[in-house]
Amino acid sequence: MATSKRNTADSYTLRARKEGYPARSVYKLEEIQKVFRIIRPGAKVLDVGAAPGSWTLYVHREILKGKGSIVAVDLNPLSLNPLPPSVMEFTGDAFSEDIRSLLVVNGPYDAIISDAAPMTTGNRMVDVARSENLAESVLSLAREHLKPHGNLVIKIFQGGGHNAVLADVKKYFIKSKTFKPAACRSDSFETYIIGLDLKKEVMEKG
């Protein structure tokens, strides 16, 4: 059974190569989008932890289709050549003052998506804690840079505190839940927190 699931996972990798995406993670966003309609045509999107660029490219190709824009931020450059015309790329720490000032200039955003993961150590407790801290940082960006009624996707490792992060998301969004796409590897403990419809009062309190 495990071999069958791994073969399925490998099929996502092969499909990504065939369709011109840098990584198989694109199919996680594809499923999230089909289920939750996170991004609408014409939207302004912020992709946090965007490299190598599969999510960014999917949004450009399959959702925006020339209408709307994407700001992609990562410590590493995107592996997209050429860079799609709807994409503005910033290489650096999304949570630094320099990058945050650029996010202000180019925002606010209709959706913030993040497939970012921390550097892992192999120690699950440490890795989960780092993932939770990263998820909270992305939520902070959402509170600062999302438009009222905007949507959020955050990757997080399942563990002792991921429910606490979900509870924080619930404070600021009308609807929220966790969702694990079929494209996640069977042995992965990652999942995604979905926040739909940012409450207007969050922006007013600023």
C-alpha atoms as a PDB file:
ATOM      1  CA  MET A   1       0.000   0.000   0.000  1.00  0.00           C
ATOM      2  CA  ALA A   2       2.793   2.403   0.895  1.00  0.00           C
ATOM      3  CA  THR A   3       4.474   1.633  -2.420  1.00  0.00           C
ATOM      4  CA  SER A   4       1.255   2.405  -4.270  1.00  0.00           C
ATOM      5  CA  LYS A   5       0.929   5.766  -2.532  1.00  0.00           C
ATOM      6  CA  ARG A   6       4.566   6.588  -3.258  1.00  0.00           C
ATOM      7  CA  ASN A   7       4.021   5.722  -6.918  1.00  0.00           C
ATOM      8  CA  THR A   8       1.055   8.090  -6.935  1.00  0.00           C
ATOM      9  CA  ALA A   9       3.272  10.772  -5.444  1.00  0.00           C
ATOM     10  CA  ASP A  10       5.870  10.136  -8.125  1.00  0.00           C
ATOM     11  CA  SER A  11       3.163  10.474 -10.771  1.00  0.00           C
ATOM     12  CA  TYR A  12       2.596  14.040  -9.557  1.00  0.00           C
ATOM     13  CA  THR A  13       6.302  14.748 -10.051  1.00  0.00           C
ATOM     14  CA  LEU A  14       6.220  13.369 -13.585  1.00  0.00           C
ATOM     15  CA  ARG A  15       3.067  15.309 -14.380  1.00  0.00           C
ATOM     16  CA  ALA A  16       4.649  18.526 -13.095  1.00  0.00           C
ATOM     17  CA  ARG A  17       7.644  18.049 -15.366  1.00  0.00           C
ATOM     18  CA  LYS A  18       5.400  17.330 -18.344  1.00  0.00           C
ATOM     19  CA  GLU A  19       3.304  20.433 -17.701  1.00  0.00           C
ATOM     20  CA  GLY A  20       6.305  22.699 -17.150  1.00  0.00           C
ATOM     21  CA  TYR A  21       6.083  23.278 -13.400  1.00  0.00           C
ATOM     22  CA  PRO A  22       9.224  23.351 -11.219  1.00  0.00           C
ATOM     23  CA  ALA A  23       7.698  21.180  -8.467  1.00  0.00           C
ATOM     24  CA  ARG A  24       4.823  18.790  -7.738  1.00  0.00           C
ATOM     25  CA  SER A  25       3.469  21.160  -5.072  1.00  0.00           C
ATOM     26  CA  VAL A  26       1.466  22.853  -7.829  1.00  0.00           C
ATOM     27  CA  TYR A  27      -1.206  20.154  -7.533  1.00  0.00           C
ATOM     28  CA  LYS A  28      -1.741  20.953  -3.865  1.00  0.00           C
ATOM     29  CA  LEU A  29      -2.712  24.500  -4.798  1.00  0.00           C
ATOM     30  CA  GLU A  30      -4.766  23.233  -7.729  1.00  0.00           C
ATOM     31  CA  GLU A  31      -6.910  21.140  -5.376  1.00  0.00           C
ATOM     32  CA  ILE A  32      -7.155  23.902  -2.778  1.00  0.00           C
ATOM     33  CA  GLN A  33      -8.307  26.304  -5.480  1.00  0.00           C
ATOM     34  CA  LYS A  34     -10.913  23.874  -6.818  1.00  0.00           C
ATOM     35  CA  VAL A  35     -12.364  23.285  -3.356  1.00  0.00           C
ATOM     36  CA  PHE A  36     -12.197  26.787  -1.849  1.00  0.00           C
ATOM     37  CA  ARG A  37     -11.932  29.278  -4.755  1.00  0.00           C
ATOM     38  CA  ILE A  38      -9.196  31.150  -2.908  1.00  0.00           C
ATOM     39  CA  ILE A  39      -8.259  33.317  -5.897  1.00  0.00           C
ATOM     40  CA  ARG A  40     -10.561  35.018  -8.387  1.00  0.00           C
ATOM     41  CA  PRO A  41      -9.680  36.179 -11.907  1.00  0.00           C
ATOM     42  CA  GLY A  42      -8.241  39.684 -11.799  1.00  0.00           C
ATOM     43  CA  ALA A  43      -7.017  39.317  -8.216  1.00  0.00           C
ATOM     44  CA  LYS A  44      -3.876  40.749  -6.687  1.00  0.00           C
ATOM     45  CA  VAL A  45      -2.026  37.847  -5.032  1.00  0.00           C
ATOM     46  CA  LEU A  46       0.909  37.615  -2.615  1.00  0.00           C
ATOM     47  CA  ASP A  47       2.858  34.328  -2.724  1.00  0.00           C
ATOM     48  CA  VAL A  48       5.073  33.935   0.377  1.00  0.00           C
ATOM     49  CA  GLY A  49       7.843  31.356   0.117  1.00  0.00           C
ATOM     50  CA  ALA A  50       7.269  31.237  -3.612  1.00  0.00           C
ATOM     51  CA  ALA A  51      10.422  29.482  -4.882  1.00  0.00           C
ATOM     52  CA  PRO A  52      10.878  27.538  -7.024  1.00  0.00           C
ATOM     53  CA  GLY A  53       7.712  29.043  -8.484  1.00  0.00           C
ATOM     54  CA  SER A  54       5.099  26.349  -9.110  1.00  0.00           C
ATOM     55  CA  TRP A  55       2.323  28.095  -7.188  1.00  0.00           C
ATOM     56  CA  THR A  56       3.159  31.433  -8.788  1.00  0.00           C
ATOM     57  CA  LEU A  57       3.133  29.922 -12.273  1.00  0.00           C
ATOM     58  CA  TYR A  58      -0.158  28.104 -11.647  1.00  0.00           C
ATOM     59  CA  VAL A  59      -1.854  31.308 -10.505  1.00  0.00           C
ATOM     60  CA  HIS A  60      -0.537  33.133 -13.580  1.00  0.00           C
ATOM     61  CA  ARG A  61      -1.507  30.411 -16.065  1.00  0.00           C
ATOM     62  CA  GLU A  62      -4.692  28.914 -14.735  1.00  0.00           C
ATOM     63  CA  ILE A  63      -6.407  31.613 -12.682  1.00  0.00           C
ATOM     64  CA  LEU A  64      -5.358  35.138 -13.609  1.00  0.00           C
ATOM     65  CA  LYS A  65      -4.777  34.486 -17.333  1.00  0.00           C
ATOM     66  CA  GLY A  66      -3.450  37.974 -17.946  1.00  0.00           C
ATOM     67  CA  LYS A  67      -5.833  39.732 -15.562  1.00  0.00           C
ATOM     68  CA  GLY A  68      -4.445  40.556 -12.121  1.00  0.00           C
ATOM     69  CA  SER A  69      -0.968  40.363 -10.620  1.00  0.00           C
ATOM     70  CA  ILE A  70       1.244  38.319  -8.319  1.00  0.00           C
ATOM     71  CA  VAL A  71       3.942  39.444  -5.909  1.00  0.00           C
ATOM     72  CA  ALA A  72       6.256  36.478  -5.249  1.00  0.00           C
ATOM     73  CA  VAL A  73       8.669  36.569  -2.298  1.00  0.00           C
ATOM     74  CA  ASP A  74      11.299  34.051  -1.253  1.00  0.00           C
ATOM     75  CA  LEU A  75      14.826  33.901   0.144  1.00  0.00           C
ATOM     76  CA  ASN A  76      15.748  32.116  -3.094  1.00  0.00           C
ATOM     77  CA  PRO A  77      15.063  33.247  -6.668  1.00  0.00           C
ATOM     78  CA  LEU A  78      12.235  31.709  -8.685  1.00  0.00           C
ATOM     79  CA  SER A  79      13.088  29.043 -11.254  1.00  0.00           C
ATOM     80  CA  LEU A  80      10.868  30.652 -13.877  1.00  0.00           C
ATOM     81  CA  ASN A  81      12.519  31.750 -17.097  1.00  0.00           C
ATOM     82  CA  PRO A  82      11.135  33.928 -18.445  1.00  0.00           C
ATOM     83  CA  LEU A  83       9.330  35.467 -15.493  1.00  0.00           C
ATOM     84  CA  PRO A  84       5.611  35.687 -16.338  1.00  0.00           C
ATOM     85  CA  PRO A  85       4.495  39.265 -17.080  1.00  0.00           C
ATOM     86  CA  SER A  86       1.961  39.264 -14.247  1.00  0.00           C
ATOM     87  CA  VAL A  87       4.646  38.456 -11.646  1.00  0.00           C
ATOM     88  CA  MET A  88       6.746  40.844  -9.569  1.00  0.00           C
ATOM     89  CA  GLU A  89       9.541  38.987  -7.761  1.00  0.00           C
ATOM     90  CA  PHE A  90      11.278  40.057  -4.553  1.00  0.00           C
ATOM     91  CA  THR A  91      14.202  37.972  -3.303  1.00  0.00           C
ATOM     92  CA  GLY A  92      14.584  38.308   0.459  1.00  0.00           C
ATOM     93  CA  ASP A  93      12.942  37.731   3.822  1.00  0.00           C
ATOM     94  CA  ALA A  94       9.214  38.408   3.544  1.00  0.00           C
ATOM     95  CA  PHE A  95       9.151  39.441   7.200  1.00  0.00           C
ATOM     96  CA  SER A  96      12.016  41.957   7.024  1.00  0.00           C
ATOM     97  CA  GLU A  97      11.321  45.680   7.110  1.00  0.00           C
ATOM     98  CA  ASP A  98      12.732  46.163   3.601  1.00  0.00           C
ATOM     99  CA  ILE A  99      10.444  43.580   2.016  1.00  0.00           C
ATOM    100  CA  ARG A 100       7.426  44.578   4.102  1.00  0.00           C
ATOM    101  CA  SER A 101       7.739  48.130   2.805  1.00  0.00           C
ATOM    102  CA  LEU A 102       7.632  46.769  -0.755  1.00  0.00           C
ATOM    103  CA  LEU A 103       4.569  44.711   0.112  1.00  0.00           C
ATOM    104  CA  VAL A 104       2.828  47.864   1.298  1.00  0.00           C
ATOM    105  CA  VAL A 105       3.652  49.709  -1.917  1.00  0.00           C
ATOM    106  CA  ASN A 106       2.350  46.857  -4.079  1.00  0.00           C
ATOM    107  CA  GLY A 107      -0.631  45.858  -1.919  1.00  0.00           C
ATOM    108  CA  PRO A 108      -3.143  45.327  -0.523  1.00  0.00           C
ATOM    109  CA  TYR A 109      -3.914  41.814  -1.750  1.00  0.00           C
ATOM    110  CA  ASP A 110      -7.034  39.802  -2.479  1.00  0.00           C
ATOM    111  CA  ALA A 111      -5.301  36.573  -1.481  1.00  0.00           C
ATOM    112  CA  ILE A 112      -2.134  35.529   0.319  1.00  0.00           C
ATOM    113  CA  ILE A 113      -0.841  32.023  -0.325  1.00  0.00           C
ATOM    114  CA  SER A 114       2.120  30.367   1.372  1.00  0.00           C
ATOM    115  CA  ASP A 115       3.725  26.986   0.793  1.00  0.00           C
ATOM    116  CA  ALA A 116       6.688  28.083   2.908  1.00  0.00           C
ATOM    117  CA  ALA A 117       8.344  25.576   5.224  1.00  0.00           C
ATOM    118  CA  PRO A 118      11.117  26.100   7.772  1.00  0.00           C
ATOM    119  CA  MET A 119      14.545  24.524   7.593  1.00  0.00           C
ATOM    120  CA  THR A 120      13.987  21.068   9.027  1.00  0.00           C
ATOM    121  CA  THR A 121      16.200  19.283  11.552  1.00  0.00           C
ATOM    122  CA  GLY A 122      14.732  15.778  11.576  1.00  0.00           C
ATOM    123  CA  ASN A 123      13.463  16.392  15.096  1.00  0.00           C
ATOM    124  CA  ARG A 124       9.701  16.488  14.696  1.00  0.00           C
ATOM    125  CA  MET A 125       9.062  18.591  17.802  1.00  0.00           C
ATOM    126  CA  VAL A 126      11.568  21.212  16.685  1.00  0.00           C
ATOM    127  CA  ASP A 127      10.325  21.203  13.094  1.00  0.00           C
ATOM    128  CA  VAL A 128       6.679  21.518  14.156  1.00  0.00           C
ATOM    129  CA  ALA A 129       7.489  24.442  16.445  1.00  0.00           C
ATOM    130  CA  ARG A 130       9.372  26.208  13.651  1.00  0.00           C
ATOM    131  CA  SER A 131       6.486  25.624  11.267  1.00  0.00           C
ATOM    132  CA  GLU A 132       4.007  27.069  13.758  1.00  0.00           C
ATOM    133  CA  ASN A 133       6.137  30.189  14.194  1.00  0.00           C
ATOM    134  CA  LEU A 134       6.383  30.602  10.429  1.00  0.00           C
ATOM    135  CA  ALA A 135       2.623  30.167  10.026  1.00  0.00           C
ATOM    136  CA  GLU A 136       1.962  32.824  12.667  1.00  0.00           C
ATOM    137  CA  SER A 137       4.299  35.177  10.794  1.00  0.00           C
ATOM    138  CA  VAL A 138       2.364  34.616   7.564  1.00  0.00           C
ATOM    139  CA  LEU A 139      -0.879  35.266   9.443  1.00  0.00           C
ATOM    140  CA  SER A 140       0.630  38.541  10.640  1.00  0.00           C
ATOM    141  CA  LEU A 141       1.314  39.489   7.021  1.00  0.00           C
ATOM    142  CA  ALA A 142      -2.283  38.670   6.164  1.00  0.00           C
ATOM    143  CA  ARG A 143      -3.578  40.952   8.898  1.00  0.00           C
ATOM    144  CA  GLU A 144      -1.414  43.765   7.548  1.00  0.00           C
ATOM    145  CA  HIS A 145      -1.719  43.301   3.802  1.00  0.00           C
ATOM    146  CA  LEU A 146      -4.971  41.505   2.921  1.00  0.00           C
ATOM    147  CA  LYS A 147      -7.985  43.417   1.695  1.00  0.00           C
ATOM    148  CA  PRO A 148     -11.216  43.022   3.665  1.00  0.00           C
ATOM    149  CA  HIS A 149     -12.863  39.735   2.592  1.00  0.00           C
ATOM    150  CA  GLY A 150      -9.495  38.442   1.354  1.00  0.00           C
ATOM    151  CA  ASN A 151      -8.424  34.802   1.572  1.00  0.00           C
ATOM    152  CA  LEU A 152      -5.415  33.010   3.047  1.00  0.00           C
ATOM    153  CA  VAL A 153      -3.605  29.685   2.577  1.00  0.00           C
ATOM    154  CA  ILE A 154      -0.800  28.674   4.968  1.00  0.00           C
ATOM    155  CA  LYS A 155       1.186  25.449   5.067  1.00  0.00           C
ATOM    156  CA  ILE A 156       1.828  24.063   8.546  1.00  0.00           C
ATOM    157  CA  PHE A 157       3.236  20.873  10.037  1.00  0.00           C
ATOM    158  CA  GLN A 158       0.733  18.950  12.114  1.00  0.00           C
ATOM    159  CA  GLY A 159       1.677  18.687  15.761  1.00  0.00           C
ATOM    160  CA  GLY A 160       0.943  19.947  19.224  1.00  0.00           C
ATOM    161  CA  GLY A 161       0.322  23.567  18.267  1.00  0.00           C
ATOM    162  CA  HIS A 162      -1.166  23.616  14.793  1.00  0.00           C
ATOM    163  CA  ASN A 163      -4.659  23.756  16.286  1.00  0.00           C
ATOM    164  CA  ALA A 164      -3.619  26.902  18.153  1.00  0.00           C
ATOM    165  CA  VAL A 165      -2.636  28.500  14.848  1.00  0.00           C
ATOM    166  CA  LEU A 166      -5.994  27.468  13.383  1.00  0.00           C
ATOM    167  CA  ALA A 167      -7.702  29.093  16.376  1.00  0.00           C
ATOM    168  CA  ASP A 168      -5.806  32.315  15.660  1.00  0.00           C
ATOM    169  CA  VAL A 169      -6.898  32.217  12.019  1.00  0.00           C
ATOM    170  CA  LYS A 170     -10.503  31.775  13.166  1.00  0.00           C
ATOM    171  CA  LYS A 171     -10.274  35.073  15.052  1.00  0.00           C
ATOM    172  CA  TYR A 172      -9.705  37.008  11.840  1.00  0.00           C
ATOM    173  CA  PHE A 173     -11.600  35.121   9.120  1.00  0.00           C
ATOM    174  CA  ILE A 174     -15.293  34.345   8.709  1.00  0.00           C
ATOM    175  CA  LYS A 175     -14.500  30.737   7.780  1.00  0.00           C
ATOM    176  CA  SER A 176     -11.420  28.633   8.471  1.00  0.00           C
ATOM    177  CA  LYS A 177     -10.378  24.998   8.401  1.00  0.00           C
ATOM    178  CA  THR A 178      -7.485  22.635   7.778  1.00  0.00           C
ATOM    179  CA  PHE A 179      -7.194  20.788   4.482  1.00  0.00           C
ATOM    180  CA  LYS A 180      -4.725  18.162   3.263  1.00  0.00           C
ATOM    181  CA  PRO A 181      -4.635  17.850  -0.538  1.00  0.00           C
ATOM    182  CA  ALA A 182      -4.287  14.434  -2.146  1.00  0.00           C
ATOM    183  CA  ALA A 183      -0.966  15.533  -3.671  1.00  0.00           C
ATOM    184  CA  CYS A 184       0.679  15.631  -0.229  1.00  0.00           C
ATOM    185  CA  ARG A 185       2.985  12.675   0.234  1.00  0.00           C
ATOM    186  CA  SER A 186       1.478   9.916   2.362  1.00  0.00           C
ATOM    187  CA  ASP A 187       4.315  10.106   4.891  1.00  0.00           C
ATOM    188  CA  SER A 188       4.182  13.903   5.177  1.00  0.00           C
ATOM    189  CA  PHE A 189       2.764  15.588   8.266  1.00  0.00           C
ATOM    190  CA  GLU A 190       2.078  18.834   6.432  1.00  0.00           C
ATOM    191  CA  THR A 191      -1.400  20.261   6.062  1.00  0.00           C
ATOM    192  CA  TYR A 192      -2.849  23.621   5.060  1.00  0.00           C
ATOM    193  CA  ILE A 193      -4.842  26.170   7.016  1.00  0.00           C
ATOM    194  CA  ILE A 194      -7.461  27.949   4.931  1.00  0.00           C
ATOM    195  CA  GLY A 195      -8.832  31.338   5.959  1.00  0.00           C
ATOM    196  CA  LEU A 196     -11.782  32.662   3.957  1.00  0.00           C
ATOM    197  CA  ASP A 197     -13.256  36.165   4.050  1.00  0.00           C
ATOM    198  CA  LEU A 198     -11.055  38.371   6.243  1.00  0.00           C
ATOM    199  CA  LYS A 199     -13.206  40.253   8.713  1.00  0.00           C
ATOM    200  CA  LYS A 200     -13.458  43.935   7.868  1.00  0.00           C
ATOM    201  CA  GLU A 201     -12.826  45.000  11.463  1.00  0.00           C
ATOM    202  CA  VAL A 202      -9.365  43.418  11.319  1.00  0.00           C
ATOM    203  CA  MET A 203      -8.315  45.987   8.736  1.00  0.00           C
ATOM    204  CA  GLU A 204     -10.038  48.818  10.580  1.00  0.00           C
ATOM    205  CA  LYS A 205      -8.103  48.030  13.769  1.00  0.00           C
ATOM    206  CA  GLY A 206      -4.977  47.773  11.610  1.00  0.00           C
END
